[in-house]
Amino acid sequence: MVTPDLMSEEDIAKPIIPDDLPNEQPALTAYIETKVYDKEGHVIQYRIQPMRSPTQWLLALMAIPLIGTYSSSSSSNAPSFLVNVLGLPSKQYSYLIGSYNSANLSWDFSIRLGSGTQTFSPTLNSLAAPIANGSGAGQLYYGTVTATYSGTTIYTYVTVINYSSTTINVTEIGLVATIYLQFQNNNNAYQVNTYTYLLTYDTFSPAITLPPGAIATFKIALSFSG
């Protein structure tokens, strides 16, 4: 029997960041969707619930397209929120030649699953009990994470398989971003430094249950408006 939805369309539409704040700040709505299939391919569990726990790292990344990260030719310092919140260096170059006086930021997304639980805090940067990638007891095989966008919504997907002989309960989920800072180093060579941040943290109650041989798909959708 398929587990019914745990939320309505009205719940999905509730903003995480209200759109009635002063200066018309943008609203953020988000949801998590899960489907579990048995080894015969039948859907045995379906869950959709609002995502309610953005961390300070997500809020800082949201500020990048809103505030911008460009420094003028008269400055070599990164915007303060990149330094103070994300912990990125304020300067990342050594040569005075114009083409070397810049650094580029890019990022990708991943989804992490866990079997623990913890009290949410905006400064969380890890799950309580991450489920390792593998085929042994207590492990899940993680497929390739896919991130797409449509309009103002970003969708991130991952498929996991329980190859073990024991049932695995997923009780927590997080959206993770890896930031790549690209620049010219002291040797005038291209270099990339990476930084990892937990953007969201949510729990499942009851747990998402994966019996032996089960396949599950997890989707996190972030929608921006304003």
N, C-alpha and C. Protein backbone atom coordinates (compact mmCIF):
# COMPACT_ATOMS: atom_id res chain seq x y z
N MET A 1 0.84 -1.19 0.00
CA MET A 1 0.00 0.00 0.00
C MET A 1 0.88 1.24 0.00
N VAL A 2 0.51 2.21 -0.80
CA VAL A 2 1.29 3.44 -0.91
C VAL A 2 0.92 4.40 0.21
N THR A 3 1.92 4.93 0.89
CA THR A 3 1.69 5.91 1.94
C THR A 3 1.18 7.21 1.33
N PRO A 4 0.12 7.82 1.87
CA PRO A 4 -0.43 9.05 1.29
C PRO A 4 0.46 10.25 1.53
N ASP A 5 0.17 11.33 0.78
CA ASP A 5 0.88 12.60 0.98
C ASP A 5 0.71 13.07 2.42
N LEU A 6 1.72 13.81 2.91
CA LEU A 6 1.65 14.38 4.24
C LEU A 6 1.45 15.89 4.20
N MET A 7 1.17 16.43 3.02
CA MET A 7 0.97 17.87 2.91
C MET A 7 0.05 18.15 1.74
N SER A 8 -0.48 19.35 1.73
CA SER A 8 -1.37 19.78 0.67
C SER A 8 -0.65 20.80 -0.20
N GLU A 9 -1.26 21.16 -1.34
CA GLU A 9 -0.68 22.20 -2.20
C GLU A 9 -0.59 23.52 -1.46
N GLU A 10 -1.52 23.75 -0.55
CA GLU A 10 -1.50 24.99 0.24
C GLU A 10 -0.26 25.02 1.13
N ASP A 11 0.12 23.83 1.69
CA ASP A 11 1.32 23.77 2.52
C ASP A 11 2.57 24.07 1.70
N ILE A 12 2.64 23.52 0.47
CA ILE A 12 3.79 23.75 -0.38
C ILE A 12 3.98 25.24 -0.64
N ALA A 13 2.87 25.96 -0.80
CA ALA A 13 2.92 27.37 -1.17
C ALA A 13 3.31 28.28 -0.02
N LYS A 14 3.34 27.76 1.22
CA LYS A 14 3.68 28.61 2.35
C LYS A 14 5.16 29.00 2.27
N PRO A 15 5.47 30.29 2.29
CA PRO A 15 6.86 30.71 2.12
C PRO A 15 7.70 30.45 3.35
N ILE A 16 8.96 30.10 3.14
CA ILE A 16 9.92 30.03 4.23
C ILE A 16 10.32 31.44 4.64
N ILE A 17 10.53 32.28 3.63
CA ILE A 17 10.78 33.71 3.86
C ILE A 17 9.54 34.46 3.39
N PRO A 18 8.77 35.06 4.30
CA PRO A 18 7.52 35.72 3.90
C PRO A 18 7.75 36.80 2.86
N ASP A 19 6.74 36.99 1.99
CA ASP A 19 6.87 38.01 0.94
C ASP A 19 6.21 39.32 1.34
N ASP A 20 5.82 39.43 2.61
CA ASP A 20 5.19 40.67 3.06
C ASP A 20 6.14 41.47 3.96
N LEU A 21 7.45 41.20 3.86
CA LEU A 21 8.42 41.93 4.65
C LEU A 21 8.67 43.29 4.03
N PRO A 22 9.23 44.26 4.80
CA PRO A 22 9.54 45.57 4.24
C PRO A 22 10.48 45.45 3.05
N ASN A 23 10.38 46.40 2.13
CA ASN A 23 11.23 46.47 0.94
C ASN A 23 11.03 45.29 0.00
N GLU A 24 9.91 44.59 0.14
CA GLU A 24 9.54 43.51 -0.77
C GLU A 24 10.65 42.48 -0.94
N GLN A 25 11.14 41.95 0.16
CA GLN A 25 12.16 40.92 0.08
C GLN A 25 11.57 39.67 -0.58
N PRO A 26 12.41 38.89 -1.29
CA PRO A 26 11.90 37.74 -2.02
C PRO A 26 11.43 36.63 -1.11
N ALA A 27 10.43 35.89 -1.57
CA ALA A 27 9.93 34.75 -0.81
C ALA A 27 10.62 33.48 -1.28
N LEU A 28 10.81 32.56 -0.37
CA LEU A 28 11.38 31.25 -0.68
C LEU A 28 10.41 30.18 -0.22
N THR A 29 9.98 29.34 -1.13
CA THR A 29 9.18 28.18 -0.79
C THR A 29 9.92 26.95 -1.25
N ALA A 30 9.74 25.84 -0.55
CA ALA A 30 10.49 24.64 -0.89
C ALA A 30 9.76 23.41 -0.38
N TYR A 31 10.01 22.29 -1.05
CA TYR A 31 9.42 21.03 -0.60
C TYR A 31 10.36 19.88 -0.91
N ILE A 32 10.12 18.76 -0.21
CA ILE A 32 10.88 17.53 -0.38
C ILE A 32 9.90 16.45 -0.83
N GLU A 33 10.25 15.75 -1.90
CA GLU A 33 9.39 14.69 -2.42
C GLU A 33 10.18 13.38 -2.46
N THR A 34 9.55 12.32 -1.96
CA THR A 34 10.21 11.02 -1.89
C THR A 34 9.31 9.92 -2.44
N LYS A 35 9.89 9.04 -3.24
CA LYS A 35 9.19 7.85 -3.71
C LYS A 35 10.08 6.64 -3.44
N VAL A 36 9.47 5.58 -2.87
CA VAL A 36 10.19 4.34 -2.60
C VAL A 36 9.56 3.23 -3.43
N TYR A 37 10.41 2.47 -4.14
CA TYR A 37 9.96 1.36 -4.97
C TYR A 37 10.52 0.05 -4.40
N ASP A 38 9.70 -1.01 -4.42
CA ASP A 38 10.23 -2.31 -4.01
C ASP A 38 11.06 -2.89 -5.14
N LYS A 39 11.65 -4.07 -4.93
CA LYS A 39 12.56 -4.62 -5.93
C LYS A 39 11.85 -5.06 -7.20
N GLU A 40 10.50 -5.10 -7.15
CA GLU A 40 9.74 -5.37 -8.37
C GLU A 40 9.37 -4.10 -9.12
N GLY A 41 9.70 -2.94 -8.55
CA GLY A 41 9.42 -1.68 -9.21
C GLY A 41 8.10 -1.05 -8.84
N HIS A 42 7.40 -1.58 -7.82
CA HIS A 42 6.14 -1.00 -7.39
C HIS A 42 6.37 0.10 -6.37
N VAL A 43 5.63 1.18 -6.48
CA VAL A 43 5.73 2.26 -5.50
C VAL A 43 5.11 1.80 -4.18
N ILE A 44 5.90 1.77 -3.12
CA ILE A 44 5.40 1.32 -1.82
C ILE A 44 5.32 2.45 -0.80
N GLN A 45 5.91 3.59 -1.12
CA GLN A 45 5.82 4.74 -0.22
C GLN A 45 6.00 6.01 -1.03
N TYR A 46 5.14 6.99 -0.73
CA TYR A 46 5.24 8.29 -1.38
C TYR A 46 5.07 9.36 -0.31
N ARG A 47 5.97 10.33 -0.32
CA ARG A 47 5.93 11.37 0.70
C ARG A 47 6.28 12.70 0.06
N ILE A 48 5.53 13.73 0.41
CA ILE A 48 5.88 15.09 0.03
C ILE A 48 5.62 15.99 1.23
N GLN A 49 6.60 16.79 1.58
CA GLN A 49 6.48 17.64 2.77
C GLN A 49 7.21 18.95 2.54
N PRO A 50 6.77 20.00 3.22
CA PRO A 50 7.46 21.29 3.05
C PRO A 50 8.86 21.24 3.64
N MET A 51 9.79 21.94 3.01
CA MET A 51 11.11 22.11 3.56
C MET A 51 11.10 23.39 4.37
N ARG A 52 11.45 23.30 5.65
CA ARG A 52 11.28 24.43 6.55
C ARG A 52 12.58 24.90 7.20
N SER A 53 13.72 24.35 6.85
CA SER A 53 14.92 24.63 7.64
C SER A 53 16.11 25.06 6.80
N PRO A 54 16.07 26.26 6.21
CA PRO A 54 17.24 26.76 5.49
C PRO A 54 18.31 27.23 6.47
N THR A 55 19.55 26.94 6.20
CA THR A 55 20.64 27.39 7.06
C THR A 55 21.15 28.76 6.61
N GLN A 56 22.06 29.31 7.39
CA GLN A 56 22.62 30.61 7.03
C GLN A 56 23.43 30.52 5.74
N TRP A 57 23.91 29.32 5.41
CA TRP A 57 24.69 29.16 4.18
C TRP A 57 23.80 29.35 2.95
N LEU A 58 22.57 28.81 3.00
CA LEU A 58 21.64 29.01 1.89
C LEU A 58 21.28 30.48 1.76
N LEU A 59 21.00 31.14 2.88
CA LEU A 59 20.62 32.54 2.84
C LEU A 59 21.77 33.40 2.28
N ALA A 60 23.01 33.02 2.61
CA ALA A 60 24.16 33.76 2.08
C ALA A 60 24.28 33.55 0.57
N LEU A 61 24.08 32.32 0.10
CA LEU A 61 24.17 32.06 -1.33
C LEU A 61 23.04 32.75 -2.09
N MET A 62 21.87 32.86 -1.46
CA MET A 62 20.77 33.60 -2.09
C MET A 62 21.14 35.05 -2.31
N ALA A 63 22.00 35.56 -1.43
CA ALA A 63 22.37 36.97 -1.53
C ALA A 63 23.29 37.24 -2.71
N ILE A 64 23.96 36.20 -3.23
CA ILE A 64 24.91 36.42 -4.32
C ILE A 64 24.25 37.04 -5.54
N PRO A 65 23.15 36.45 -6.08
CA PRO A 65 22.55 37.10 -7.25
C PRO A 65 21.80 38.39 -6.90
N LEU A 66 21.42 38.55 -5.62
CA LEU A 66 20.68 39.75 -5.23
C LEU A 66 21.62 40.94 -5.03
N ILE A 67 22.72 40.69 -4.33
CA ILE A 67 23.66 41.76 -4.02
C ILE A 67 24.75 41.85 -5.09
N GLY A 68 25.13 40.69 -5.61
CA GLY A 68 26.22 40.64 -6.56
C GLY A 68 27.55 40.42 -5.86
N THR A 69 28.49 39.79 -6.54
CA THR A 69 29.78 39.50 -5.93
C THR A 69 30.92 40.23 -6.62
N TYR A 70 30.61 41.13 -7.51
CA TYR A 70 31.64 41.83 -8.27
C TYR A 70 32.27 42.94 -7.44
N SER A 71 33.59 43.01 -7.47
CA SER A 71 34.32 44.13 -6.87
C SER A 71 34.87 45.00 -7.99
N SER A 72 34.77 46.29 -7.83
CA SER A 72 35.21 47.20 -8.89
C SER A 72 36.72 47.14 -9.06
N SER A 73 37.20 47.79 -10.11
CA SER A 73 38.64 47.78 -10.42
C SER A 73 39.46 48.48 -9.34
N SER A 74 38.80 49.27 -8.50
CA SER A 74 39.52 49.98 -7.44
C SER A 74 39.58 49.17 -6.15
N SER A 75 38.99 47.96 -6.15
CA SER A 75 38.97 47.14 -4.94
C SER A 75 39.38 45.72 -5.25
N SER A 76 40.06 45.10 -4.31
CA SER A 76 40.45 43.69 -4.47
C SER A 76 39.89 42.84 -3.34
N ASN A 77 38.87 43.35 -2.66
CA ASN A 77 38.26 42.64 -1.53
C ASN A 77 36.93 42.02 -1.93
N ALA A 78 36.68 40.82 -1.45
CA ALA A 78 35.40 40.17 -1.68
C ALA A 78 34.32 40.84 -0.85
N PRO A 79 33.05 40.77 -1.29
CA PRO A 79 31.96 41.32 -0.48
C PRO A 79 31.96 40.70 0.92
N SER A 80 31.62 41.50 1.91
CA SER A 80 31.77 41.08 3.31
C SER A 80 30.97 39.83 3.66
N PHE A 81 29.79 39.63 3.06
CA PHE A 81 28.99 38.46 3.45
C PHE A 81 29.64 37.16 2.99
N LEU A 82 30.41 37.20 1.90
CA LEU A 82 31.13 36.01 1.47
C LEU A 82 32.21 35.63 2.49
N VAL A 83 32.81 36.64 3.10
CA VAL A 83 33.87 36.41 4.07
C VAL A 83 33.30 36.07 5.43
N ASN A 84 32.33 36.86 5.90
CA ASN A 84 31.83 36.72 7.26
C ASN A 84 30.92 35.51 7.45
N VAL A 85 30.12 35.17 6.43
CA VAL A 85 29.18 34.06 6.57
C VAL A 85 29.75 32.77 5.97
N LEU A 86 30.21 32.83 4.73
CA LEU A 86 30.70 31.63 4.07
C LEU A 86 32.14 31.29 4.43
N GLY A 87 32.85 32.25 5.01
CA GLY A 87 34.22 31.97 5.41
C GLY A 87 35.20 31.94 4.26
N LEU A 88 34.83 32.55 3.13
CA LEU A 88 35.75 32.60 2.00
C LEU A 88 36.81 33.67 2.24
N PRO A 89 37.97 33.57 1.61
CA PRO A 89 39.02 34.57 1.82
C PRO A 89 38.61 35.92 1.25
N SER A 90 39.07 36.98 1.89
CA SER A 90 38.72 38.32 1.41
C SER A 90 39.51 38.68 0.15
N LYS A 91 40.69 38.07 -0.03
CA LYS A 91 41.50 38.29 -1.22
C LYS A 91 42.02 36.94 -1.71
N GLN A 92 42.13 36.80 -3.02
CA GLN A 92 42.62 35.53 -3.56
C GLN A 92 43.37 35.77 -4.87
N TYR A 93 44.46 36.52 -4.80
CA TYR A 93 45.31 36.72 -5.97
C TYR A 93 46.67 37.22 -5.48
N SER A 94 47.64 37.14 -6.36
CA SER A 94 48.99 37.56 -5.99
C SER A 94 49.61 38.53 -6.99
N TYR A 95 49.17 38.45 -8.24
CA TYR A 95 49.78 39.27 -9.28
C TYR A 95 48.95 40.51 -9.54
N LEU A 96 49.61 41.56 -9.98
CA LEU A 96 48.94 42.83 -10.21
C LEU A 96 48.47 43.00 -11.64
N ILE A 97 48.73 42.01 -12.49
CA ILE A 97 48.24 42.09 -13.86
C ILE A 97 46.72 41.97 -13.83
N GLY A 98 46.05 42.81 -14.59
CA GLY A 98 44.60 42.91 -14.50
C GLY A 98 43.87 41.59 -14.64
N SER A 99 44.33 40.72 -15.57
CA SER A 99 43.61 39.46 -15.80
C SER A 99 43.69 38.51 -14.62
N TYR A 100 44.61 38.76 -13.68
CA TYR A 100 44.75 37.90 -12.52
C TYR A 100 44.07 38.49 -11.28
N ASN A 101 43.49 39.67 -11.42
CA ASN A 101 42.91 40.35 -10.27
C ASN A 101 41.48 39.94 -9.99
N SER A 102 41.13 38.73 -10.27
CA SER A 102 39.76 38.30 -10.05
C SER A 102 39.72 36.84 -9.65
N ALA A 103 38.61 36.45 -9.04
CA ALA A 103 38.36 35.06 -8.69
C ALA A 103 36.94 34.73 -9.11
N ASN A 104 36.72 33.50 -9.47
CA ASN A 104 35.41 33.07 -9.95
C ASN A 104 34.80 32.06 -9.01
N LEU A 105 33.50 32.21 -8.73
CA LEU A 105 32.78 31.27 -7.89
C LEU A 105 31.83 30.44 -8.74
N SER A 106 31.82 29.12 -8.52
CA SER A 106 30.80 28.25 -9.10
C SER A 106 30.45 27.20 -8.05
N TRP A 107 29.33 26.53 -8.26
CA TRP A 107 28.95 25.53 -7.26
C TRP A 107 28.08 24.45 -7.88
N ASP A 108 28.02 23.30 -7.18
CA ASP A 108 27.06 22.27 -7.55
C ASP A 108 26.37 21.77 -6.29
N PHE A 109 25.34 20.95 -6.48
CA PHE A 109 24.50 20.51 -5.38
C PHE A 109 24.58 19.01 -5.19
N SER A 110 24.30 18.55 -3.98
CA SER A 110 24.14 17.14 -3.69
C SER A 110 23.11 16.99 -2.57
N ILE A 111 22.61 15.79 -2.41
CA ILE A 111 21.65 15.49 -1.35
C ILE A 111 22.26 14.44 -0.43
N ARG A 112 22.20 14.68 0.86
CA ARG A 112 22.70 13.71 1.84
C ARG A 112 21.55 13.20 2.70
N LEU A 113 21.62 11.91 3.00
CA LEU A 113 20.59 11.25 3.80
C LEU A 113 21.22 10.74 5.09
N GLY A 114 20.40 10.69 6.15
CA GLY A 114 20.92 10.23 7.42
C GLY A 114 19.92 9.40 8.19
N SER A 115 20.42 8.74 9.22
CA SER A 115 19.58 7.88 10.06
C SER A 115 19.44 8.42 11.48
N GLY A 116 19.87 9.66 11.71
CA GLY A 116 19.78 10.25 13.03
C GLY A 116 18.82 11.41 13.06
N THR A 117 18.92 12.24 14.08
CA THR A 117 18.11 13.45 14.17
C THR A 117 18.81 14.42 15.12
N GLN A 118 18.59 15.70 14.91
CA GLN A 118 19.20 16.70 15.78
C GLN A 118 18.35 17.97 15.72
N THR A 119 18.52 18.81 16.73
CA THR A 119 17.81 20.07 16.77
C THR A 119 18.35 21.00 15.70
N PHE A 120 17.44 21.61 14.96
CA PHE A 120 17.88 22.49 13.88
C PHE A 120 18.51 23.76 14.43
N SER A 121 19.57 24.19 13.74
CA SER A 121 20.21 25.47 14.01
C SER A 121 20.64 26.04 12.67
N PRO A 122 20.56 27.36 12.46
CA PRO A 122 21.01 27.96 11.19
C PRO A 122 22.48 27.71 10.89
N THR A 123 23.26 27.33 11.91
CA THR A 123 24.70 27.11 11.71
C THR A 123 25.05 25.64 11.49
N LEU A 124 24.06 24.75 11.41
CA LEU A 124 24.36 23.33 11.15
C LEU A 124 25.11 23.19 9.84
N ASN A 125 26.11 22.29 9.81
CA ASN A 125 26.82 22.04 8.57
C ASN A 125 27.03 20.55 8.31
N SER A 126 26.24 19.70 9.01
CA SER A 126 26.32 18.26 8.77
C SER A 126 25.07 17.60 9.33
N LEU A 127 24.79 16.39 8.85
CA LEU A 127 23.69 15.60 9.39
C LEU A 127 24.14 14.96 10.71
N ALA A 128 23.17 14.50 11.48
CA ALA A 128 23.50 13.86 12.76
C ALA A 128 24.18 12.51 12.54
N ALA A 129 23.67 11.72 11.58
CA ALA A 129 24.21 10.38 11.32
C ALA A 129 24.12 10.10 9.83
N PRO A 130 25.06 10.63 9.03
CA PRO A 130 25.00 10.42 7.58
C PRO A 130 25.04 8.94 7.21
N ILE A 131 24.25 8.56 6.22
CA ILE A 131 24.26 7.19 5.71
C ILE A 131 25.33 7.10 4.63
N ALA A 132 26.27 6.19 4.82
CA ALA A 132 27.40 6.08 3.91
C ALA A 132 26.99 5.47 2.57
N ASN A 133 27.79 5.76 1.57
CA ASN A 133 27.59 5.21 0.23
C ASN A 133 28.21 3.82 0.17
N GLY A 134 27.40 2.80 -0.13
CA GLY A 134 27.93 1.45 -0.20
C GLY A 134 26.82 0.43 -0.25
N SER A 135 27.18 -0.83 -0.12
CA SER A 135 26.21 -1.92 -0.20
C SER A 135 26.13 -2.74 1.08
N GLY A 136 26.84 -2.32 2.12
CA GLY A 136 26.84 -3.05 3.37
C GLY A 136 25.66 -2.69 4.26
N ALA A 137 25.59 -3.30 5.42
CA ALA A 137 24.51 -3.02 6.38
C ALA A 137 24.53 -1.56 6.77
N GLY A 138 23.38 -0.91 6.72
CA GLY A 138 23.28 0.49 7.09
C GLY A 138 23.75 1.45 6.03
N GLN A 139 24.09 0.96 4.84
CA GLN A 139 24.58 1.81 3.76
C GLN A 139 23.60 1.82 2.60
N LEU A 140 23.65 2.91 1.83
CA LEU A 140 22.85 3.05 0.62
C LEU A 140 23.77 3.37 -0.55
N TYR A 141 23.44 2.83 -1.70
CA TYR A 141 24.20 3.17 -2.91
C TYR A 141 23.59 4.44 -3.50
N TYR A 142 24.38 5.49 -3.63
CA TYR A 142 23.91 6.78 -4.14
C TYR A 142 24.19 6.89 -5.64
N GLY A 143 23.17 7.22 -6.41
CA GLY A 143 23.36 7.49 -7.82
C GLY A 143 23.84 8.91 -8.02
N THR A 144 24.00 9.29 -9.27
CA THR A 144 24.45 10.63 -9.61
C THR A 144 23.39 11.66 -9.26
N VAL A 145 23.80 12.73 -8.60
CA VAL A 145 22.88 13.81 -8.26
C VAL A 145 22.65 14.68 -9.49
N THR A 146 21.40 15.04 -9.74
CA THR A 146 21.05 15.89 -10.86
C THR A 146 20.42 17.17 -10.35
N ALA A 147 20.85 18.30 -10.86
CA ALA A 147 20.25 19.60 -10.51
C ALA A 147 19.79 20.28 -11.78
N THR A 148 18.53 20.68 -11.81
CA THR A 148 17.98 21.38 -12.96
C THR A 148 17.22 22.61 -12.45
N TYR A 149 16.83 23.46 -13.36
CA TYR A 149 16.02 24.60 -12.97
C TYR A 149 14.97 24.88 -14.03
N SER A 150 13.89 25.47 -13.58
CA SER A 150 12.81 25.88 -14.47
C SER A 150 12.26 27.19 -13.94
N GLY A 151 12.45 28.27 -14.70
CA GLY A 151 12.01 29.57 -14.22
C GLY A 151 12.79 29.96 -12.98
N THR A 152 12.09 30.10 -11.86
CA THR A 152 12.73 30.50 -10.60
C THR A 152 12.82 29.34 -9.62
N THR A 153 12.69 28.10 -10.10
CA THR A 153 12.73 26.94 -9.22
C THR A 153 13.94 26.07 -9.56
N ILE A 154 14.68 25.66 -8.52
CA ILE A 154 15.81 24.75 -8.66
C ILE A 154 15.39 23.39 -8.13
N TYR A 155 15.57 22.35 -8.93
CA TYR A 155 15.24 20.98 -8.53
C TYR A 155 16.54 20.18 -8.40
N THR A 156 16.69 19.47 -7.29
CA THR A 156 17.83 18.59 -7.08
C THR A 156 17.32 17.18 -6.79
N TYR A 157 17.85 16.18 -7.51
CA TYR A 157 17.37 14.81 -7.41
C TYR A 157 18.52 13.86 -7.08
N VAL A 158 18.20 12.78 -6.36
CA VAL A 158 19.14 11.68 -6.19
C VAL A 158 18.34 10.39 -6.05
N THR A 159 18.89 9.32 -6.59
CA THR A 159 18.29 7.99 -6.45
C THR A 159 19.24 7.12 -5.63
N VAL A 160 18.70 6.41 -4.65
CA VAL A 160 19.51 5.53 -3.80
C VAL A 160 18.93 4.12 -3.85
N ILE A 161 19.79 3.13 -3.63
CA ILE A 161 19.38 1.73 -3.66
C ILE A 161 19.89 1.04 -2.39
N ASN A 162 19.03 0.24 -1.79
CA ASN A 162 19.42 -0.55 -0.63
C ASN A 162 19.84 -1.94 -1.11
N TYR A 163 21.15 -2.13 -1.30
CA TYR A 163 21.67 -3.41 -1.73
C TYR A 163 21.92 -4.37 -0.56
N SER A 164 21.75 -3.88 0.67
CA SER A 164 22.02 -4.71 1.84
C SER A 164 20.85 -5.65 2.11
N SER A 165 21.04 -6.51 3.09
CA SER A 165 20.01 -7.47 3.46
C SER A 165 19.17 -7.00 4.64
N THR A 166 19.37 -5.73 5.06
CA THR A 166 18.62 -5.19 6.19
C THR A 166 17.84 -3.94 5.77
N THR A 167 16.76 -3.67 6.48
CA THR A 167 15.95 -2.47 6.22
C THR A 167 16.69 -1.24 6.73
N ILE A 168 16.63 -0.16 5.96
CA ILE A 168 17.29 1.09 6.33
C ILE A 168 16.23 2.18 6.47
N ASN A 169 16.26 2.88 7.59
CA ASN A 169 15.33 3.98 7.85
C ASN A 169 16.04 5.32 7.66
N VAL A 170 15.49 6.14 6.77
CA VAL A 170 16.03 7.48 6.54
C VAL A 170 15.21 8.47 7.35
N THR A 171 15.86 9.17 8.26
CA THR A 171 15.16 10.09 9.16
C THR A 171 15.57 11.55 8.97
N GLU A 172 16.60 11.82 8.16
CA GLU A 172 17.04 13.19 7.96
C GLU A 172 17.57 13.36 6.55
N ILE A 173 17.47 14.58 6.06
CA ILE A 173 17.89 14.89 4.69
C ILE A 173 18.44 16.30 4.65
N GLY A 174 19.47 16.50 3.85
CA GLY A 174 20.05 17.82 3.71
C GLY A 174 20.47 18.09 2.28
N LEU A 175 20.29 19.33 1.86
CA LEU A 175 20.79 19.79 0.56
C LEU A 175 22.17 20.41 0.80
N VAL A 176 23.14 19.95 0.04
CA VAL A 176 24.53 20.38 0.24
C VAL A 176 25.03 21.08 -1.01
N ALA A 177 25.80 22.13 -0.82
CA ALA A 177 26.43 22.83 -1.94
C ALA A 177 27.95 22.76 -1.78
N THR A 178 28.62 22.51 -2.88
CA THR A 178 30.08 22.59 -2.92
C THR A 178 30.47 23.81 -3.75
N ILE A 179 31.18 24.72 -3.12
CA ILE A 179 31.60 25.96 -3.77
C ILE A 179 33.01 25.79 -4.31
N TYR A 180 33.22 26.20 -5.54
CA TYR A 180 34.54 26.14 -6.16
C TYR A 180 35.04 27.58 -6.36
N LEU A 181 36.14 27.91 -5.71
CA LEU A 181 36.76 29.22 -5.85
C LEU A 181 37.97 29.07 -6.77
N GLN A 182 37.90 29.67 -7.95
CA GLN A 182 38.93 29.51 -8.99
C GLN A 182 39.74 30.81 -9.09
N PHE A 183 41.08 30.68 -9.11
CA PHE A 183 41.93 31.87 -9.11
C PHE A 183 43.34 31.51 -9.57
N GLN A 184 44.17 32.53 -9.73
CA GLN A 184 45.58 32.35 -10.02
C GLN A 184 46.36 32.39 -8.69
N ASN A 185 47.16 31.37 -8.43
CA ASN A 185 47.86 31.31 -7.15
C ASN A 185 49.21 32.05 -7.20
N ASN A 186 50.00 31.90 -6.12
CA ASN A 186 51.27 32.62 -6.03
C ASN A 186 52.26 32.26 -7.13
N ASN A 187 52.08 31.08 -7.73
CA ASN A 187 52.96 30.65 -8.81
C ASN A 187 52.40 30.98 -10.18
N ASN A 188 51.40 31.87 -10.20
CA ASN A 188 50.78 32.27 -11.45
C ASN A 188 50.15 31.06 -12.17
N ALA A 189 49.65 30.12 -11.37
CA ALA A 189 49.02 28.91 -11.91
C ALA A 189 47.55 28.86 -11.48
N TYR A 190 46.74 28.25 -12.32
CA TYR A 190 45.32 28.10 -12.02
C TYR A 190 45.13 27.17 -10.82
N GLN A 191 44.28 27.56 -9.89
CA GLN A 191 44.02 26.76 -8.69
C GLN A 191 42.54 26.82 -8.34
N VAL A 192 42.03 25.74 -7.75
CA VAL A 192 40.64 25.69 -7.30
C VAL A 192 40.62 25.25 -5.84
N ASN A 193 40.00 26.02 -4.98
CA ASN A 193 39.73 25.62 -3.60
C ASN A 193 38.24 25.30 -3.46
N THR A 194 37.92 24.28 -2.68
CA THR A 194 36.52 23.87 -2.52
C THR A 194 36.06 24.08 -1.08
N TYR A 195 34.79 24.42 -0.95
CA TYR A 195 34.15 24.63 0.35
C TYR A 195 32.78 23.95 0.31
N THR A 196 32.41 23.26 1.39
CA THR A 196 31.15 22.53 1.41
C THR A 196 30.24 23.09 2.50
N TYR A 197 28.96 23.28 2.15
CA TYR A 197 27.99 23.86 3.08
C TYR A 197 26.69 23.07 3.07
N LEU A 198 26.11 22.88 4.25
CA LEU A 198 24.78 22.29 4.37
C LEU A 198 23.76 23.42 4.23
N LEU A 199 22.99 23.39 3.15
CA LEU A 199 22.06 24.48 2.86
C LEU A 199 20.72 24.33 3.57
N THR A 200 20.26 23.08 3.71
CA THR A 200 18.97 22.83 4.36
C THR A 200 19.10 21.59 5.23
N TYR A 201 18.26 21.52 6.26
CA TYR A 201 18.23 20.33 7.12
C TYR A 201 16.79 20.07 7.53
N ASP A 202 16.30 18.89 7.19
CA ASP A 202 14.94 18.51 7.56
C ASP A 202 14.90 17.05 7.98
N THR A 203 13.85 16.69 8.71
CA THR A 203 13.71 15.32 9.20
C THR A 203 12.42 14.69 8.67
N PHE A 204 12.40 13.37 8.67
CA PHE A 204 11.22 12.61 8.26
C PHE A 204 10.60 11.95 9.49
N SER A 205 9.33 12.18 9.69
CA SER A 205 8.62 11.54 10.78
C SER A 205 7.20 11.19 10.31
N PRO A 206 6.90 9.90 10.13
CA PRO A 206 7.78 8.74 10.37
C PRO A 206 8.89 8.66 9.35
N ALA A 207 9.83 7.75 9.59
CA ALA A 207 10.99 7.59 8.73
C ALA A 207 10.60 7.09 7.35
N ILE A 208 11.45 7.39 6.37
CA ILE A 208 11.34 6.78 5.04
C ILE A 208 12.02 5.41 5.13
N THR A 209 11.26 4.35 4.88
CA THR A 209 11.75 2.99 5.08
C THR A 209 12.11 2.33 3.76
N LEU A 210 13.34 1.85 3.68
CA LEU A 210 13.82 1.15 2.49
C LEU A 210 14.13 -0.30 2.83
N PRO A 211 13.25 -1.23 2.47
CA PRO A 211 13.55 -2.65 2.70
C PRO A 211 14.66 -3.12 1.77
N PRO A 212 15.21 -4.31 1.98
CA PRO A 212 16.26 -4.82 1.09
C PRO A 212 15.81 -4.82 -0.37
N GLY A 213 16.67 -4.32 -1.25
CA GLY A 213 16.36 -4.27 -2.67
C GLY A 213 15.57 -3.06 -3.10
N ALA A 214 15.16 -2.21 -2.17
CA ALA A 214 14.33 -1.05 -2.51
C ALA A 214 15.14 0.05 -3.17
N ILE A 215 14.46 0.81 -4.01
CA ILE A 215 15.03 1.99 -4.66
C ILE A 215 14.21 3.20 -4.24
N ALA A 216 14.85 4.30 -3.92
CA ALA A 216 14.14 5.51 -3.51
C ALA A 216 14.68 6.71 -4.27
N THR A 217 13.79 7.60 -4.64
CA THR A 217 14.19 8.86 -5.26
C THR A 217 13.82 10.00 -4.31
N PHE A 218 14.73 10.94 -4.14
CA PHE A 218 14.53 12.10 -3.29
C PHE A 218 14.68 13.34 -4.15
N LYS A 219 13.74 14.26 -4.02
CA LYS A 219 13.80 15.53 -4.76
C LYS A 219 13.61 16.68 -3.78
N ILE A 220 14.48 17.67 -3.88
CA ILE A 220 14.33 18.92 -3.12
C ILE A 220 14.12 20.03 -4.13
N ALA A 221 13.04 20.79 -3.97
CA ALA A 221 12.72 21.89 -4.87
C ALA A 221 12.75 23.20 -4.09
N LEU A 222 13.52 24.16 -4.60
CA LEU A 222 13.59 25.51 -4.04
C LEU A 222 13.01 26.47 -5.05
N SER A 223 12.02 27.25 -4.61
CA SER A 223 11.37 28.18 -5.53
C SER A 223 11.46 29.58 -4.97
N PHE A 224 11.91 30.52 -5.80
CA PHE A 224 12.12 31.91 -5.40
C PHE A 224 11.11 32.81 -6.13
N SER A 225 10.63 33.82 -5.43
CA SER A 225 9.73 34.78 -6.06
C SER A 225 9.95 36.14 -5.41
N GLY A 226 9.51 37.18 -6.10
CA GLY A 226 9.64 38.52 -5.54
C GLY A 226 10.47 39.41 -6.44
